[in-house]
PDB file of all heavy atoms in Angstrom:
ATOM      1  N   ALA A   1       0.852  -1.239   0.024  1.00  0.00           N
ATOM      2  CA  ALA A   1       0.052  -0.139  -0.004  1.00  0.00           C
ATOM      3  C   ALA A   1       0.875   1.171   0.047  1.00  0.00           C
ATOM      4  O   ALA A   1       0.574   2.319  -0.702  1.00  0.00           O
ATOM      5  CB  ALA A   1      -0.889   0.008   1.256  1.00  0.00           C
ATOM      6  N   ASP A   2       1.961   1.126   0.685  1.00  0.00           N
ATOM      7  CA  ASP A   2       2.969   2.361   0.811  1.00  0.00           C
ATOM      8  C   ASP A   2       3.476   2.573  -0.539  1.00  0.00           C
ATOM      9  O   ASP A   2       3.643   3.638  -1.075  1.00  0.00           O
ATOM     10  CB  ASP A   2       4.046   2.126   1.747  1.00  0.00           C
ATOM     11  CG  ASP A   2       3.469   2.154   3.273  1.00  0.00           C
ATOM     12  OD1 ASP A   2       2.500   2.705   3.414  1.00  0.00           O
ATOM     13  OD2 ASP A   2       4.239   1.544   4.076  1.00  0.00           O
ATOM     14  N   PHE A   3       3.792   1.514  -1.244  1.00  0.00           N
ATOM     15  CA  PHE A   3       4.562   1.636  -2.549  1.00  0.00           C
ATOM     16  C   PHE A   3       3.467   2.102  -3.661  1.00  0.00           C
ATOM     17  O   PHE A   3       3.866   2.979  -4.368  1.00  0.00           O
ATOM     18  CB  PHE A   3       5.103   0.214  -2.919  1.00  0.00           C
ATOM     19  CG  PHE A   3       5.540   0.390  -4.426  1.00  0.00           C
ATOM     20  CD1 PHE A   3       6.894   0.926  -4.556  1.00  0.00           C
ATOM     21  CD2 PHE A   3       4.877  -0.032  -5.557  1.00  0.00           C
ATOM     22  CE1 PHE A   3       7.469   1.116  -5.891  1.00  0.00           C
ATOM     23  CE2 PHE A   3       5.487   0.003  -6.884  1.00  0.00           C
ATOM     24  CZ  PHE A   3       6.662   0.651  -6.999  1.00  0.00           C
ATOM     25  N   GLU A   4       2.190   1.606  -3.489  1.00  0.00           N
ATOM     26  CA  GLU A   4       1.151   2.026  -4.426  1.00  0.00           C
ATOM     27  C   GLU A   4       0.894   3.609  -4.284  1.00  0.00           C
ATOM     28  O   GLU A   4       0.857   4.361  -5.115  1.00  0.00           O
ATOM     29  CB  GLU A   4      -0.063   1.395  -4.154  1.00  0.00           C
ATOM     30  CG  GLU A   4      -1.121   1.603  -5.123  1.00  0.00           C
ATOM     31  CD  GLU A   4      -2.488   0.785  -5.033  1.00  0.00           C
ATOM     32  OE1 GLU A   4      -2.339  -0.154  -4.433  1.00  0.00           O
ATOM     33  OE2 GLU A   4      -3.416   1.194  -5.611  1.00  0.00           O
ATOM     34  N   GLN A   5       0.933   4.007  -2.999  1.00  0.00           N
ATOM     35  CA  GLN A   5       0.737   5.577  -2.723  1.00  0.00           C
ATOM     36  C   GLN A   5       1.903   6.264  -3.198  1.00  0.00           C
ATOM     37  O   GLN A   5       1.695   7.343  -3.881  1.00  0.00           O
ATOM     38  CB  GLN A   5       0.559   5.643  -1.220  1.00  0.00           C
ATOM     39  CG  GLN A   5       0.279   7.168  -0.941  1.00  0.00           C
ATOM     40  CD  GLN A   5       0.154   7.373   0.537  1.00  0.00           C
ATOM     41  OE1 GLN A   5       0.080   6.496   1.433  1.00  0.00           O
ATOM     42  NE2 GLN A   5       0.099   8.723   0.928  1.00  0.00           N
ATOM     43  N   MET A   6       3.134   5.801  -2.998  1.00  0.00           N
ATOM     44  CA  MET A   6       4.286   6.491  -3.579  1.00  0.00           C
ATOM     45  C   MET A   6       4.231   6.519  -5.083  1.00  0.00           C
ATOM     46  O   MET A   6       4.476   7.605  -5.759  1.00  0.00           O
ATOM     47  CB  MET A   6       5.568   5.772  -3.149  1.00  0.00           C
ATOM     48  CG  MET A   6       6.911   6.329  -3.670  1.00  0.00           C
ATOM     49  SD  MET A   6       8.401   5.758  -3.064  1.00  0.00           S
ATOM     50  CE  MET A   6       8.297   3.999  -3.681  1.00  0.00           C
ATOM     51  N   TYR A   7       3.842   5.391  -5.743  1.00  0.00           N
ATOM     52  CA  TYR A   7       3.791   5.408  -7.225  1.00  0.00           C
ATOM     53  C   TYR A   7       2.708   6.345  -7.673  1.00  0.00           C
ATOM     54  O   TYR A   7       3.068   7.185  -8.597  1.00  0.00           O
ATOM     55  CB  TYR A   7       3.350   4.020  -7.596  1.00  0.00           C
ATOM     56  CG  TYR A   7       3.050   3.875  -9.087  1.00  0.00           C
ATOM     57  CD1 TYR A   7       4.174   3.543  -9.840  1.00  0.00           C
ATOM     58  CD2 TYR A   7       1.948   3.953  -9.803  1.00  0.00           C
ATOM     59  CE1 TYR A   7       4.161   3.270 -11.216  1.00  0.00           C
ATOM     60  CE2 TYR A   7       1.739   3.748 -11.109  1.00  0.00           C
ATOM     61  CZ  TYR A   7       2.888   3.597 -11.874  1.00  0.00           C
ATOM     62  OH  TYR A   7       2.705   3.359 -13.168  1.00  0.00           O
ATOM     63  N   ASN A   8       1.579   6.420  -7.078  1.00  0.00           N
ATOM     64  CA  ASN A   8       0.418   7.330  -7.415  1.00  0.00           C
ATOM     65  C   ASN A   8       0.891   8.850  -7.188  1.00  0.00           C
ATOM     66  O   ASN A   8       0.513   9.676  -8.025  1.00  0.00           O
ATOM     67  CB  ASN A   8      -0.803   7.077  -6.752  1.00  0.00           C
ATOM     68  CG  ASN A   8      -1.494   5.778  -7.179  1.00  0.00           C
ATOM     69  OD1 ASN A   8      -1.335   5.257  -8.359  1.00  0.00           O
ATOM     70  ND2 ASN A   8      -2.225   5.060  -6.201  1.00  0.00           N
ATOM     71  N   THR A   9       1.684   9.070  -6.219  1.00  0.00           N
ATOM     72  CA  THR A   9       1.919  10.397  -5.794  1.00  0.00           C
ATOM     73  C   THR A   9       3.152  10.958  -6.682  1.00  0.00           C
ATOM     74  O   THR A   9       3.072  12.045  -7.239  1.00  0.00           O
ATOM     75  CB  THR A   9       2.579  10.439  -4.331  1.00  0.00           C
ATOM     76  OG1 THR A   9       1.562   9.987  -3.535  1.00  0.00           O
ATOM     77  CG2 THR A   9       2.968  11.890  -3.973  1.00  0.00           C
ATOM     78  N   TYR A  10       4.022  10.121  -7.111  1.00  0.00           N
ATOM     79  CA  TYR A  10       5.232  10.537  -7.811  1.00  0.00           C
ATOM     80  C   TYR A  10       5.400  10.099  -9.274  1.00  0.00           C
ATOM     81  O   TYR A  10       6.356  10.645  -9.899  1.00  0.00           O
ATOM     82  CB  TYR A  10       6.578  10.144  -6.995  1.00  0.00           C
ATOM     83  CG  TYR A  10       6.640  10.736  -5.703  1.00  0.00           C
ATOM     84  CD1 TYR A  10       6.457   9.917  -4.620  1.00  0.00           C
ATOM     85  CD2 TYR A  10       6.655  12.134  -5.476  1.00  0.00           C
ATOM     86  CE1 TYR A  10       6.610  10.532  -3.228  1.00  0.00           C
ATOM     87  CE2 TYR A  10       6.902  12.641  -4.225  1.00  0.00           C
ATOM     88  CZ  TYR A  10       6.759  11.820  -3.078  1.00  0.00           C
ATOM     89  OH  TYR A  10       6.775  12.347  -1.873  1.00  0.00           O
ATOM     90  N   TYR A  11       4.502   9.383  -9.754  1.00  0.00           N
ATOM     91  CA  TYR A  11       4.818   8.830 -11.162  1.00  0.00           C
ATOM     92  C   TYR A  11       4.837   9.868 -12.118  1.00  0.00           C
ATOM     93  O   TYR A  11       5.921   9.976 -12.848  1.00  0.00           O
ATOM     94  CB  TYR A  11       3.572   7.904 -11.618  1.00  0.00           C
ATOM     95  CG  TYR A  11       3.776   7.459 -12.935  1.00  0.00           C
ATOM     96  CD1 TYR A  11       4.560   6.355 -13.157  1.00  0.00           C
ATOM     97  CD2 TYR A  11       3.155   8.143 -14.098  1.00  0.00           C
ATOM     98  CE1 TYR A  11       4.801   5.887 -14.516  1.00  0.00           C
ATOM     99  CE2 TYR A  11       3.479   7.731 -15.333  1.00  0.00           C
ATOM    100  CZ  TYR A  11       4.263   6.639 -15.590  1.00  0.00           C
ATOM    101  OH  TYR A  11       4.481   6.259 -16.955  1.00  0.00           O
ATOM    102  N   MET A  12       4.076  10.883 -12.171  1.00  0.00           N
ATOM    103  CA  MET A  12       4.058  12.024 -13.252  1.00  0.00           C
ATOM    104  C   MET A  12       5.256  12.919 -12.996  1.00  0.00           C
ATOM    105  O   MET A  12       5.966  13.239 -13.974  1.00  0.00           O
ATOM    106  CB  MET A  12       2.764  12.747 -13.154  1.00  0.00           C
ATOM    107  CG  MET A  12       1.640  12.087 -13.846  1.00  0.00           C
ATOM    108  SD  MET A  12       2.063  11.509 -15.503  1.00  0.00           S
ATOM    109  CE  MET A  12       2.334  12.953 -16.460  1.00  0.00           C
ATOM    110  N   LYS A  13       5.705  13.050 -11.723  1.00  0.00           N
ATOM    111  CA  LYS A  13       6.822  13.960 -11.396  1.00  0.00           C
ATOM    112  C   LYS A  13       8.146  13.184 -11.960  1.00  0.00           C
ATOM    113  O   LYS A  13       8.949  13.763 -12.549  1.00  0.00           O
ATOM    114  CB  LYS A  13       6.898  14.275 -10.051  1.00  0.00           C
ATOM    115  CG  LYS A  13       5.900  15.158  -9.584  1.00  0.00           C
ATOM    116  CD  LYS A  13       6.069  15.513  -8.047  1.00  0.00           C
ATOM    117  CE  LYS A  13       5.056  16.554  -7.573  1.00  0.00           C
ATOM    118  NZ  LYS A  13       5.205  16.763  -6.207  1.00  0.00           N
ATOM    119  N   VAL A  14       8.229  11.896 -11.662  1.00  0.00           N
ATOM    120  CA  VAL A  14       9.399  11.122 -12.062  1.00  0.00           C
ATOM    121  C   VAL A  14       9.317  11.098 -13.621  1.00  0.00           C
ATOM    122  O   VAL A  14      10.468  11.245 -14.251  1.00  0.00           O
ATOM    123  CB  VAL A  14       9.311   9.807 -11.380  1.00  0.00           C
ATOM    124  CG1 VAL A  14      10.562   8.897 -11.993  1.00  0.00           C
ATOM    125  CG2 VAL A  14       9.539   9.938  -9.892  1.00  0.00           C
ATOM    126  N   TYR A  15       8.201  10.802 -14.217  1.00  0.00           N
ATOM    127  CA  TYR A  15       8.195  10.702 -15.623  1.00  0.00           C
ATOM    128  C   TYR A  15       8.616  12.089 -16.202  1.00  0.00           C
ATOM    129  O   TYR A  15       9.440  11.976 -17.262  1.00  0.00           O
ATOM    130  CB  TYR A  15       6.703  10.382 -16.072  1.00  0.00           C
ATOM    131  CG  TYR A  15       6.557  10.475 -17.533  1.00  0.00           C
ATOM    132  CD1 TYR A  15       7.033   9.395 -18.364  1.00  0.00           C
ATOM    133  CD2 TYR A  15       5.941  11.464 -18.083  1.00  0.00           C
ATOM    134  CE1 TYR A  15       6.931   9.486 -19.769  1.00  0.00           C
ATOM    135  CE2 TYR A  15       5.676  11.624 -19.509  1.00  0.00           C
ATOM    136  CZ  TYR A  15       6.223  10.614 -20.303  1.00  0.00           C
ATOM    137  OH  TYR A  15       6.024  10.677 -21.651  1.00  0.00           O
ATOM    138  N   SER A  16       8.102  13.136 -15.749  1.00  0.00           N
ATOM    139  CA  SER A  16       8.563  14.461 -16.384  1.00  0.00           C
ATOM    140  C   SER A  16      10.068  14.609 -16.181  1.00  0.00           C
ATOM    141  O   SER A  16      10.759  15.113 -17.087  1.00  0.00           O
ATOM    142  CB  SER A  16       7.800  15.553 -15.515  1.00  0.00           C
ATOM    143  OG  SER A  16       6.447  15.434 -15.798  1.00  0.00           O
ATOM    144  N   PHE A  17      10.588  14.240 -15.075  1.00  0.00           N
ATOM    145  CA  PHE A  17      12.030  14.297 -14.857  1.00  0.00           C
ATOM    146  C   PHE A  17      12.793  13.457 -15.841  1.00  0.00           C
ATOM    147  O   PHE A  17      13.658  13.873 -16.510  1.00  0.00           O
ATOM    148  CB  PHE A  17      12.444  13.836 -13.526  1.00  0.00           C
ATOM    149  CG  PHE A  17      13.971  13.838 -13.188  1.00  0.00           C
ATOM    150  CD1 PHE A  17      14.710  14.914 -13.097  1.00  0.00           C
ATOM    151  CD2 PHE A  17      14.519  12.619 -12.939  1.00  0.00           C
ATOM    152  CE1 PHE A  17      16.053  14.912 -12.829  1.00  0.00           C
ATOM    153  CE2 PHE A  17      15.789  12.466 -12.682  1.00  0.00           C
ATOM    154  CZ  PHE A  17      16.584  13.551 -12.657  1.00  0.00           C
ATOM    155  N   ALA A  18      12.334  12.262 -16.104  1.00  0.00           N
ATOM    156  CA  ALA A  18      12.924  11.358 -17.065  1.00  0.00           C
ATOM    157  C   ALA A  18      12.833  11.921 -18.499  1.00  0.00           C
ATOM    158  O   ALA A  18      13.650  11.779 -19.299  1.00  0.00           O
ATOM    159  CB  ALA A  18      12.217   9.882 -17.120  1.00  0.00           C
ATOM    160  N   VAL A  19      11.604  12.516 -18.776  1.00  0.00           N
ATOM    161  CA  VAL A  19      11.535  13.148 -20.177  1.00  0.00           C
ATOM    162  C   VAL A  19      12.485  14.243 -20.271  1.00  0.00           C
ATOM    163  O   VAL A  19      13.204  14.391 -21.392  1.00  0.00           O
ATOM    164  CB  VAL A  19      10.078  13.800 -20.446  1.00  0.00           C
ATOM    165  CG1 VAL A  19       9.985  14.540 -21.601  1.00  0.00           C
ATOM    166  CG2 VAL A  19       9.072  12.612 -20.540  1.00  0.00           C
ATOM    167  N   THR A  20      12.850  15.013 -19.265  1.00  0.00           N
ATOM    168  CA  THR A  20      13.813  16.043 -19.312  1.00  0.00           C
ATOM    169  C   THR A  20      15.173  15.342 -19.550  1.00  0.00           C
ATOM    170  O   THR A  20      15.959  15.976 -20.334  1.00  0.00           O
ATOM    171  CB  THR A  20      13.819  16.826 -17.893  1.00  0.00           C
ATOM    172  OG1 THR A  20      12.502  17.360 -17.729  1.00  0.00           O
ATOM    173  CG2 THR A  20      14.878  17.976 -18.026  1.00  0.00           C
ATOM    174  N   LEU A  21      15.446  14.261 -19.044  1.00  0.00           N
ATOM    175  CA  LEU A  21      16.746  13.649 -19.130  1.00  0.00           C
ATOM    176  C   LEU A  21      16.859  13.039 -20.666  1.00  0.00           C
ATOM    177  O   LEU A  21      17.887  13.287 -21.326  1.00  0.00           O
ATOM    178  CB  LEU A  21      17.068  12.595 -18.139  1.00  0.00           C
ATOM    179  CG  LEU A  21      17.157  12.952 -16.652  1.00  0.00           C
ATOM    180  CD1 LEU A  21      17.208  11.764 -15.796  1.00  0.00           C
ATOM    181  CD2 LEU A  21      18.467  13.754 -16.506  1.00  0.00           C
ATOM    182  N   THR A  22      15.809  12.355 -21.017  1.00  0.00           N
ATOM    183  CA  THR A  22      16.003  11.600 -22.254  1.00  0.00           C
ATOM    184  C   THR A  22      15.611  12.306 -23.546  1.00  0.00           C
ATOM    185  O   THR A  22      15.969  11.888 -24.597  1.00  0.00           O
ATOM    186  CB  THR A  22      15.137  10.368 -22.108  1.00  0.00           C
ATOM    187  OG1 THR A  22      13.645  10.677 -22.080  1.00  0.00           O
ATOM    188  CG2 THR A  22      15.593   9.419 -20.871  1.00  0.00           C
ATOM    189  N   LYS A  23      14.756  13.348 -23.338  1.00  0.00           N
ATOM    190  CA  LYS A  23      14.191  13.982 -24.509  1.00  0.00           C
ATOM    191  C   LYS A  23      13.371  13.060 -25.339  1.00  0.00           C
ATOM    192  O   LYS A  23      13.223  13.331 -26.523  1.00  0.00           O
ATOM    193  CB  LYS A  23      15.242  14.747 -25.276  1.00  0.00           C
ATOM    194  CG  LYS A  23      16.247  15.399 -24.470  1.00  0.00           C
ATOM    195  CD  LYS A  23      15.860  16.891 -24.177  1.00  0.00           C
ATOM    196  CE  LYS A  23      17.002  17.745 -23.700  1.00  0.00           C
ATOM    197  NZ  LYS A  23      17.146  17.521 -22.224  1.00  0.00           N
ATOM    198  N   ASN A  24      12.927  11.980 -24.813  1.00  0.00           N
ATOM    199  CA  ASN A  24      12.153  10.885 -25.568  1.00  0.00           C
ATOM    200  C   ASN A  24      11.086  10.293 -24.690  1.00  0.00           C
ATOM    201  O   ASN A  24      11.456   9.799 -23.640  1.00  0.00           O
ATOM    202  CB  ASN A  24      13.229   9.974 -26.111  1.00  0.00           C
ATOM    203  CG  ASN A  24      12.540   8.791 -26.765  1.00  0.00           C
ATOM    204  OD1 ASN A  24      11.730   8.103 -26.371  1.00  0.00           O
ATOM    205  ND2 ASN A  24      12.953   8.689 -28.077  1.00  0.00           N
ATOM    206  N   GLN A  25       9.801  10.302 -25.082  1.00  0.00           N
ATOM    207  CA  GLN A  25       8.767   9.796 -24.242  1.00  0.00           C
ATOM    208  C   GLN A  25       8.863   8.220 -23.981  1.00  0.00           C
ATOM    209  O   GLN A  25       8.750   7.807 -22.866  1.00  0.00           O
ATOM    210  CB  GLN A  25       7.408  10.000 -24.925  1.00  0.00           C
ATOM    211  CG  GLN A  25       7.057  11.497 -24.887  1.00  0.00           C
ATOM    212  CD  GLN A  25       5.704  11.816 -25.568  1.00  0.00           C
ATOM    213  OE1 GLN A  25       5.175  10.870 -26.148  1.00  0.00           O
ATOM    214  NE2 GLN A  25       5.118  12.988 -25.309  1.00  0.00           N
ATOM    215  N   HIS A  26       9.220   7.567 -24.998  1.00  0.00           N
ATOM    216  CA  HIS A  26       9.353   6.117 -24.859  1.00  0.00           C
ATOM    217  C   HIS A  26      10.494   5.726 -23.863  1.00  0.00           C
ATOM    218  O   HIS A  26      10.213   4.915 -22.961  1.00  0.00           O
ATOM    219  CB  HIS A  26       9.611   5.425 -26.227  1.00  0.00           C
ATOM    220  CG  HIS A  26       9.866   3.909 -26.140  1.00  0.00           C
ATOM    221  ND1 HIS A  26      10.709   3.360 -25.220  1.00  0.00           N
ATOM    222  CD2 HIS A  26       9.258   2.939 -26.850  1.00  0.00           C
ATOM    223  CE1 HIS A  26      10.706   1.979 -25.359  1.00  0.00           C
ATOM    224  NE2 HIS A  26       9.788   1.709 -26.410  1.00  0.00           N
ATOM    225  N   ASP A  27      11.609   6.387 -24.053  1.00  0.00           N
ATOM    226  CA  ASP A  27      12.824   6.153 -23.070  1.00  0.00           C
ATOM    227  C   ASP A  27      12.385   6.569 -21.741  1.00  0.00           C
ATOM    228  O   ASP A  27      12.812   5.870 -20.768  1.00  0.00           O
ATOM    229  CB  ASP A  27      14.129   6.846 -23.592  1.00  0.00           C
ATOM    230  CG  ASP A  27      14.581   6.193 -24.883  1.00  0.00           C
ATOM    231  OD1 ASP A  27      14.249   5.147 -25.255  1.00  0.00           O
ATOM    232  OD2 ASP A  27      15.351   6.918 -25.492  1.00  0.00           O
ATOM    233  N   ALA A  28      11.647   7.622 -21.721  1.00  0.00           N
ATOM    234  CA  ALA A  28      11.239   8.258 -20.342  1.00  0.00           C
ATOM    235  C   ALA A  28      10.341   7.239 -19.584  1.00  0.00           C
ATOM    236  O   ALA A  28      10.436   6.998 -18.435  1.00  0.00           O
ATOM    237  CB  ALA A  28      10.549   9.586 -20.378  1.00  0.00           C
ATOM    238  N   GLU A  29       9.374   6.631 -20.380  1.00  0.00           N
ATOM    239  CA  GLU A  29       8.487   5.688 -19.796  1.00  0.00           C
ATOM    240  C   GLU A  29       9.225   4.451 -19.289  1.00  0.00           C
ATOM    241  O   GLU A  29       9.062   4.025 -18.129  1.00  0.00           O
ATOM    242  CB  GLU A  29       7.460   5.154 -20.860  1.00  0.00           C
ATOM    243  CG  GLU A  29       6.445   6.301 -21.213  1.00  0.00           C
ATOM    244  CD  GLU A  29       5.573   5.933 -22.419  1.00  0.00           C
ATOM    245  OE1 GLU A  29       5.780   4.812 -22.903  1.00  0.00           O
ATOM    246  OE2 GLU A  29       4.675   6.719 -22.649  1.00  0.00           O
ATOM    247  N   GLU A  30      10.204   4.057 -20.057  1.00  0.00           N
ATOM    248  CA  GLU A  30      11.083   2.893 -19.627  1.00  0.00           C
ATOM    249  C   GLU A  30      11.844   3.154 -18.312  1.00  0.00           C
ATOM    250  O   GLU A  30      11.860   2.320 -17.429  1.00  0.00           O
ATOM    251  CB  GLU A  30      11.976   2.409 -20.811  1.00  0.00           C
ATOM    252  CG  GLU A  30      12.805   1.329 -20.564  1.00  0.00           C
ATOM    253  CD  GLU A  30      11.891  -0.019 -20.897  1.00  0.00           C
ATOM    254  OE1 GLU A  30      10.877   0.126 -21.494  1.00  0.00           O
ATOM    255  OE2 GLU A  30      12.221  -0.973 -20.285  1.00  0.00           O
ATOM    256  N   ILE A  31      12.483   4.342 -18.312  1.00  0.00           N
ATOM    257  CA  ILE A  31      13.230   4.731 -17.106  1.00  0.00           C
ATOM    258  C   ILE A  31      12.286   4.847 -15.950  1.00  0.00           C
ATOM    259  O   ILE A  31      12.569   4.417 -14.827  1.00  0.00           O
ATOM    260  CB  ILE A  31      14.009   6.044 -17.374  1.00  0.00           C
ATOM    261  CG1 ILE A  31      15.228   5.572 -18.259  1.00  0.00           C
ATOM    262  CG2 ILE A  31      14.518   6.662 -16.150  1.00  0.00           C
ATOM    263  CD1 ILE A  31      16.098   6.881 -18.627  1.00  0.00           C
ATOM    264  N   THR A  32      11.086   5.461 -16.113  1.00  0.00           N
ATOM    265  CA  THR A  32      10.121   5.663 -15.024  1.00  0.00           C
ATOM    266  C   THR A  32       9.814   4.211 -14.476  1.00  0.00           C
ATOM    267  O   THR A  32       9.689   3.966 -13.283  1.00  0.00           O
ATOM    268  CB  THR A  32       8.953   6.529 -15.504  1.00  0.00           C
ATOM    269  OG1 THR A  32       9.481   7.681 -15.931  1.00  0.00           O
ATOM    270  CG2 THR A  32       7.957   6.746 -14.211  1.00  0.00           C
ATOM    271  N   GLN A  33       9.413   3.276 -15.401  1.00  0.00           N
ATOM    272  CA  GLN A  33       8.964   1.990 -14.885  1.00  0.00           C
ATOM    273  C   GLN A  33      10.148   1.347 -14.212  1.00  0.00           C
ATOM    274  O   GLN A  33       9.870   0.741 -13.096  1.00  0.00           O
ATOM    275  CB  GLN A  33       8.482   1.098 -16.162  1.00  0.00           C
ATOM    276  CG  GLN A  33       7.249   1.510 -16.762  1.00  0.00           C
ATOM    277  CD  GLN A  33       6.965   0.742 -18.019  1.00  0.00           C
ATOM    278  OE1 GLN A  33       7.740  -0.109 -18.471  1.00  0.00           O
ATOM    279  NE2 GLN A  33       5.857   1.149 -18.689  1.00  0.00           N
ATOM    280  N   ASN A  34      11.283   1.382 -14.850  1.00  0.00           N
ATOM    281  CA  ASN A  34      12.493   0.701 -14.092  1.00  0.00           C
ATOM    282  C   ASN A  34      12.799   1.471 -12.769  1.00  0.00           C
ATOM    283  O   ASN A  34      13.157   0.834 -11.827  1.00  0.00           O
ATOM    284  CB  ASN A  34      13.718   0.800 -14.910  1.00  0.00           C
ATOM    285  CG  ASN A  34      13.500  -0.109 -16.254  1.00  0.00           C
ATOM    286  OD1 ASN A  34      12.724  -1.077 -16.043  1.00  0.00           O
ATOM    287  ND2 ASN A  34      14.238   0.126 -17.163  1.00  0.00           N
ATOM    288  N   THR A  35      12.535   2.830 -12.620  1.00  0.00           N
ATOM    289  CA  THR A  35      12.700   3.483 -11.476  1.00  0.00           C
ATOM    290  C   THR A  35      11.813   2.923 -10.285  1.00  0.00           C
ATOM    291  O   THR A  35      12.386   2.694  -9.256  1.00  0.00           O
ATOM    292  CB  THR A  35      12.470   4.919 -11.568  1.00  0.00           C
ATOM    293  OG1 THR A  35      13.464   5.504 -12.454  1.00  0.00           O
ATOM    294  CG2 THR A  35      12.616   5.776 -10.269  1.00  0.00           C
ATOM    295  N   PHE A  36      10.568   2.817 -10.582  1.00  0.00           N
ATOM    296  CA  PHE A  36       9.673   2.215  -9.583  1.00  0.00           C
ATOM    297  C   PHE A  36       9.965   0.802  -9.347  1.00  0.00           C
ATOM    298  O   PHE A  36       9.746   0.369  -8.044  1.00  0.00           O
ATOM    299  CB  PHE A  36       8.176   2.575  -9.955  1.00  0.00           C
ATOM    300  CG  PHE A  36       7.852   3.908  -9.660  1.00  0.00           C
ATOM    301  CD1 PHE A  36       7.822   4.968 -10.747  1.00  0.00           C
ATOM    302  CD2 PHE A  36       7.439   4.456  -8.411  1.00  0.00           C
ATOM    303  CE1 PHE A  36       7.469   6.233 -10.540  1.00  0.00           C
ATOM    304  CE2 PHE A  36       7.149   5.901  -8.105  1.00  0.00           C
ATOM    305  CZ  PHE A  36       7.196   6.706  -9.148  1.00  0.00           C
ATOM    306  N   PHE A  37      10.350  -0.042 -10.281  1.00  0.00           N
ATOM    307  CA  PHE A  37      10.643  -1.341  -9.933  1.00  0.00           C
ATOM    308  C   PHE A  37      11.899  -1.399  -9.043  1.00  0.00           C
ATOM    309  O   PHE A  37      11.794  -2.172  -8.066  1.00  0.00           O
ATOM    310  CB  PHE A  37      11.006  -2.045 -11.315  1.00  0.00           C
ATOM    311  CG  PHE A  37      11.423  -3.504 -11.054  1.00  0.00           C
ATOM    312  CD1 PHE A  37      10.482  -4.519 -10.794  1.00  0.00           C
ATOM    313  CD2 PHE A  37      12.719  -3.823 -11.255  1.00  0.00           C
ATOM    314  CE1 PHE A  37      10.923  -5.792 -10.435  1.00  0.00           C
ATOM    315  CE2 PHE A  37      13.027  -5.142 -10.947  1.00  0.00           C
ATOM    316  CZ  PHE A  37      12.157  -6.127 -10.658  1.00  0.00           C
ATOM    317  N   LYS A  38      12.816  -0.626  -9.337  1.00  0.00           N
ATOM    318  CA  LYS A  38      14.084  -0.589  -8.542  1.00  0.00           C
ATOM    319  C   LYS A  38      13.668  -0.158  -7.066  1.00  0.00           C
ATOM    320  O   LYS A  38      14.231  -0.712  -6.033  1.00  0.00           O
ATOM    321  CB  LYS A  38      15.184   0.307  -9.121  1.00  0.00           C
ATOM    322  CG  LYS A  38      16.433   0.082  -8.397  1.00  0.00           C
ATOM    323  CD  LYS A  38      17.642   0.600  -9.293  1.00  0.00           C
ATOM    324  CE  LYS A  38      18.952   0.218  -8.573  1.00  0.00           C
ATOM    325  NZ  LYS A  38      20.123   0.490  -9.393  1.00  0.00           N
ATOM    326  N   ALA A  39      12.860   0.895  -7.015  1.00  0.00           N
ATOM    327  CA  ALA A  39      12.458   1.438  -5.687  1.00  0.00           C
ATOM    328  C   ALA A  39      11.761   0.350  -4.882  1.00  0.00           C
ATOM    329  O   ALA A  39      11.947   0.131  -3.741  1.00  0.00           O
ATOM    330  CB  ALA A  39      11.637   2.631  -5.893  1.00  0.00           C
ATOM    331  N   MET A  40      11.048  -0.399  -5.607  1.00  0.00           N
ATOM    332  CA  MET A  40      10.169  -1.503  -4.938  1.00  0.00           C
ATOM    333  C   MET A  40      11.081  -2.690  -4.448  1.00  0.00           C
ATOM    334  O   MET A  40      10.718  -3.248  -3.442  1.00  0.00           O
ATOM    335  CB  MET A  40       9.058  -1.922  -5.801  1.00  0.00           C
ATOM    336  CG  MET A  40       8.155  -2.971  -5.147  1.00  0.00           C
ATOM    337  SD  MET A  40       6.793  -3.395  -6.291  1.00  0.00           S
ATOM    338  CE  MET A  40       7.610  -4.430  -7.410  1.00  0.00           C
ATOM    339  N   THR A  41      12.031  -2.988  -5.235  1.00  0.00           N
ATOM    340  CA  THR A  41      12.786  -4.200  -4.959  1.00  0.00           C
ATOM    341  C   THR A  41      14.149  -4.037  -4.267  1.00  0.00           C
ATOM    342  O   THR A  41      14.846  -5.029  -3.964  1.00  0.00           O
ATOM    343  CB  THR A  41      13.221  -4.906  -6.487  1.00  0.00           C
ATOM    344  OG1 THR A  41      13.925  -3.971  -7.135  1.00  0.00           O
ATOM    345  CG2 THR A  41      11.918  -5.372  -7.055  1.00  0.00           C
ATOM    346  N   THR A  42      14.446  -2.790  -3.938  1.00  0.00           N
ATOM    347  CA  THR A  42      15.740  -2.493  -3.216  1.00  0.00           C
ATOM    348  C   THR A  42      15.438  -1.748  -2.014  1.00  0.00           C
ATOM    349  O   THR A  42      14.410  -1.102  -1.768  1.00  0.00           O
ATOM    350  CB  THR A  42      16.742  -1.623  -3.923  1.00  0.00           C
ATOM    351  OG1 THR A  42      16.177  -0.378  -4.377  1.00  0.00           O
ATOM    352  CG2 THR A  42      17.167  -2.254  -5.266  1.00  0.00           C
TER     353      THR A  42
END
């Protein structure tokens, strides 16, 4: 539940940050997904 709340709270912010880094929506989506996966598993 904590992770789901974190995901819902920060997904768009992290995605926006990733778009800034990658300058590409597809790559930003991939990085965002991997970010939350890594946050959940580490």
